[in-house]
């Protein structure tokens, strides 16, 4: 993924796994492949996350997220 610090991404995914938000599946392939999936708990966060994103979008200028 472009623009994403690899170390930070790995740390965040590990934390999400520990919190039960995602599951990690490692496939025995060459090169190695890892897949992350939302758990039921992670899926249940969807509506709350959508509401938070909508809230932030409406206030993007006030929050300094308008790209200016």
N, C-alpha and C. Protein backbone atom coordinates (compact mmCIF):
# COMPACT_ATOMS: atom_id res chain seq x y z
N UNK A 1 0.83 -1.18 0.00
CA UNK A 1 0.00 0.00 0.00
C UNK A 1 0.88 1.24 0.00
N UNK A 2 0.63 2.11 -0.93
CA UNK A 2 1.40 3.34 -1.02
C UNK A 2 1.01 4.32 0.07
N UNK A 3 2.00 5.04 0.58
CA UNK A 3 1.73 6.06 1.57
C UNK A 3 1.50 5.54 2.98
N UNK A 4 1.70 4.23 3.18
CA UNK A 4 1.49 3.63 4.50
C UNK A 4 2.82 3.10 5.00
N UNK A 5 3.18 3.49 6.21
CA UNK A 5 4.40 3.01 6.84
C UNK A 5 4.19 1.54 7.20
N UNK A 6 5.03 0.65 6.67
CA UNK A 6 4.89 -0.80 6.85
C UNK A 6 4.89 -1.19 8.33
N UNK A 7 5.80 -0.60 9.10
CA UNK A 7 5.91 -0.93 10.53
C UNK A 7 4.62 -0.54 11.27
N UNK A 8 4.10 0.63 10.99
CA UNK A 8 2.88 1.10 11.64
C UNK A 8 1.69 0.23 11.25
N UNK A 9 1.62 -0.16 9.98
CA UNK A 9 0.54 -1.02 9.52
C UNK A 9 0.56 -2.35 10.26
N UNK A 10 1.73 -2.96 10.37
CA UNK A 10 1.87 -4.24 11.07
C UNK A 10 1.46 -4.10 12.53
N UNK A 11 1.89 -3.02 13.18
CA UNK A 11 1.53 -2.79 14.58
C UNK A 11 0.02 -2.67 14.74
N UNK A 12 -0.62 -1.92 13.85
CA UNK A 12 -2.06 -1.72 13.94
C UNK A 12 -2.82 -3.03 13.70
N UNK A 13 -2.37 -3.81 12.72
CA UNK A 13 -3.03 -5.09 12.44
C UNK A 13 -2.88 -6.05 13.61
N UNK A 14 -1.70 -6.08 14.24
CA UNK A 14 -1.49 -6.93 15.42
C UNK A 14 -2.43 -6.51 16.54
N UNK A 15 -2.58 -5.21 16.75
CA UNK A 15 -3.46 -4.72 17.81
C UNK A 15 -4.92 -5.08 17.51
N UNK A 16 -5.33 -4.92 16.25
CA UNK A 16 -6.70 -5.27 15.87
C UNK A 16 -6.95 -6.76 16.06
N UNK A 17 -5.94 -7.58 15.79
CA UNK A 17 -6.06 -9.02 16.00
C UNK A 17 -6.18 -9.33 17.49
N UNK A 18 -5.35 -8.70 18.31
CA UNK A 18 -5.42 -8.91 19.76
C UNK A 18 -6.76 -8.47 20.33
N UNK A 19 -7.34 -7.45 19.75
CA UNK A 19 -8.63 -6.92 20.22
C UNK A 19 -9.82 -7.71 19.69
N UNK A 20 -9.56 -8.69 18.81
CA UNK A 20 -10.63 -9.51 18.28
C UNK A 20 -11.41 -8.87 17.15
N UNK A 21 -10.82 -7.85 16.52
CA UNK A 21 -11.49 -7.14 15.42
C UNK A 21 -11.23 -7.83 14.08
N UNK A 22 -10.04 -8.40 13.91
CA UNK A 22 -9.67 -9.11 12.69
C UNK A 22 -9.06 -10.47 13.04
N UNK A 23 -9.11 -11.37 12.07
CA UNK A 23 -8.39 -12.64 12.18
C UNK A 23 -7.31 -12.64 11.11
N UNK A 24 -6.22 -13.32 11.41
CA UNK A 24 -5.07 -13.38 10.50
C UNK A 24 -4.92 -14.82 10.02
N UNK A 25 -4.85 -15.01 8.70
CA UNK A 25 -4.66 -16.32 8.11
C UNK A 25 -3.37 -16.29 7.29
N UNK A 26 -2.46 -17.22 7.59
CA UNK A 26 -1.20 -17.33 6.86
C UNK A 26 -1.31 -18.53 5.93
N UNK A 27 -1.02 -18.32 4.65
CA UNK A 27 -1.09 -19.38 3.66
C UNK A 27 0.32 -19.91 3.38
N UNK A 28 0.48 -21.23 3.36
CA UNK A 28 1.80 -21.83 3.12
C UNK A 28 2.17 -21.78 1.64
N UNK A 29 2.50 -20.61 1.17
CA UNK A 29 2.83 -20.39 -0.24
C UNK A 29 4.18 -19.70 -0.34
N UNK A 30 4.73 -19.73 -1.54
CA UNK A 30 5.95 -18.99 -1.83
C UNK A 30 5.62 -18.07 -2.99
N UNK A 31 5.74 -16.76 -2.79
CA UNK A 31 6.08 -16.07 -1.54
C UNK A 31 4.94 -16.19 -0.53
N UNK A 32 5.25 -15.98 0.75
CA UNK A 32 4.23 -16.11 1.79
C UNK A 32 3.09 -15.12 1.56
N UNK A 33 1.90 -15.55 1.95
CA UNK A 33 0.72 -14.69 1.81
C UNK A 33 -0.04 -14.69 3.12
N UNK A 34 -0.45 -13.51 3.55
CA UNK A 34 -1.22 -13.35 4.78
C UNK A 34 -2.50 -12.60 4.43
N UNK A 35 -3.60 -13.05 5.01
CA UNK A 35 -4.89 -12.42 4.75
C UNK A 35 -5.54 -12.05 6.08
N UNK A 36 -6.10 -10.86 6.13
CA UNK A 36 -6.82 -10.40 7.32
C UNK A 36 -8.29 -10.29 6.98
N UNK A 37 -9.13 -10.75 7.91
CA UNK A 37 -10.58 -10.70 7.73
C UNK A 37 -11.23 -10.13 8.98
N UNK A 38 -12.33 -9.43 8.79
CA UNK A 38 -13.07 -8.92 9.93
C UNK A 38 -13.77 -10.06 10.66
N UNK A 39 -13.74 -10.01 11.97
CA UNK A 39 -14.51 -10.93 12.80
C UNK A 39 -15.94 -10.39 12.89
N UNK A 40 -16.81 -11.14 13.55
CA UNK A 40 -18.17 -10.63 13.77
C UNK A 40 -18.13 -9.33 14.56
N UNK A 41 -17.23 -9.26 15.53
CA UNK A 41 -17.07 -8.03 16.32
C UNK A 41 -16.64 -6.87 15.42
N UNK A 42 -15.69 -7.14 14.52
CA UNK A 42 -15.24 -6.11 13.59
C UNK A 42 -16.35 -5.65 12.65
N UNK A 43 -17.14 -6.61 12.17
CA UNK A 43 -18.26 -6.26 11.29
C UNK A 43 -19.31 -5.42 12.03
N UNK A 44 -19.49 -5.72 13.32
CA UNK A 44 -20.47 -4.98 14.11
C UNK A 44 -20.07 -3.51 14.29
N UNK A 45 -18.79 -3.20 14.12
CA UNK A 45 -18.32 -1.82 14.23
C UNK A 45 -18.67 -0.98 13.00
N UNK A 46 -19.07 -1.63 11.92
CA UNK A 46 -19.35 -0.93 10.66
C UNK A 46 -20.26 0.27 10.78
N UNK A 47 -21.46 0.13 11.34
CA UNK A 47 -22.37 1.27 11.45
C UNK A 47 -21.79 2.42 12.29
N UNK A 48 -21.10 2.08 13.36
CA UNK A 48 -20.50 3.13 14.20
C UNK A 48 -19.40 3.86 13.45
N UNK A 49 -18.59 3.11 12.70
CA UNK A 49 -17.51 3.73 11.93
C UNK A 49 -18.07 4.62 10.83
N UNK A 50 -19.14 4.16 10.18
CA UNK A 50 -19.78 4.97 9.14
C UNK A 50 -20.29 6.28 9.72
N UNK A 51 -20.92 6.21 10.89
CA UNK A 51 -21.42 7.42 11.54
C UNK A 51 -20.28 8.36 11.89
N UNK A 52 -19.17 7.83 12.37
CA UNK A 52 -18.01 8.66 12.72
C UNK A 52 -17.41 9.32 11.48
N UNK A 53 -17.30 8.57 10.40
CA UNK A 53 -16.77 9.11 9.14
C UNK A 53 -17.68 10.22 8.61
N UNK A 54 -18.99 9.97 8.65
CA UNK A 54 -19.95 10.99 8.21
C UNK A 54 -19.83 12.26 9.05
N UNK A 55 -19.71 12.09 10.37
CA UNK A 55 -19.57 13.22 11.29
C UNK A 55 -18.31 14.02 10.94
N UNK A 56 -17.20 13.32 10.74
CA UNK A 56 -15.93 14.00 10.42
C UNK A 56 -16.01 14.70 9.06
N UNK A 57 -16.67 14.07 8.09
CA UNK A 57 -16.79 14.67 6.76
C UNK A 57 -17.55 16.00 6.84
N UNK A 58 -18.62 16.02 7.60
CA UNK A 58 -19.42 17.24 7.74
C UNK A 58 -18.64 18.35 8.45
N UNK A 59 -17.65 17.98 9.24
CA UNK A 59 -16.88 18.95 10.01
C UNK A 59 -15.42 19.03 9.55
N UNK A 60 -15.17 18.59 8.33
CA UNK A 60 -13.79 18.48 7.84
C UNK A 60 -13.05 19.81 7.87
N UNK A 61 -13.71 20.91 7.57
CA UNK A 61 -13.04 22.21 7.58
C UNK A 61 -12.65 22.59 9.01
N UNK A 62 -13.58 22.44 9.94
CA UNK A 62 -13.32 22.74 11.35
C UNK A 62 -12.21 21.86 11.91
N UNK A 63 -12.20 20.60 11.47
CA UNK A 63 -11.21 19.64 11.97
C UNK A 63 -9.87 19.74 11.24
N UNK A 64 -9.79 20.59 10.23
CA UNK A 64 -8.55 20.74 9.47
C UNK A 64 -8.31 19.59 8.50
N UNK A 65 -9.39 18.98 8.02
CA UNK A 65 -9.28 17.84 7.12
C UNK A 65 -9.70 18.18 5.69
N UNK A 66 -9.81 19.47 5.40
CA UNK A 66 -10.31 19.90 4.09
C UNK A 66 -9.23 19.97 3.02
N UNK A 67 -8.01 19.60 3.34
CA UNK A 67 -6.93 19.58 2.36
C UNK A 67 -6.29 20.93 2.12
N UNK A 68 -6.73 21.94 2.81
CA UNK A 68 -6.16 23.29 2.64
C UNK A 68 -4.92 23.47 3.49
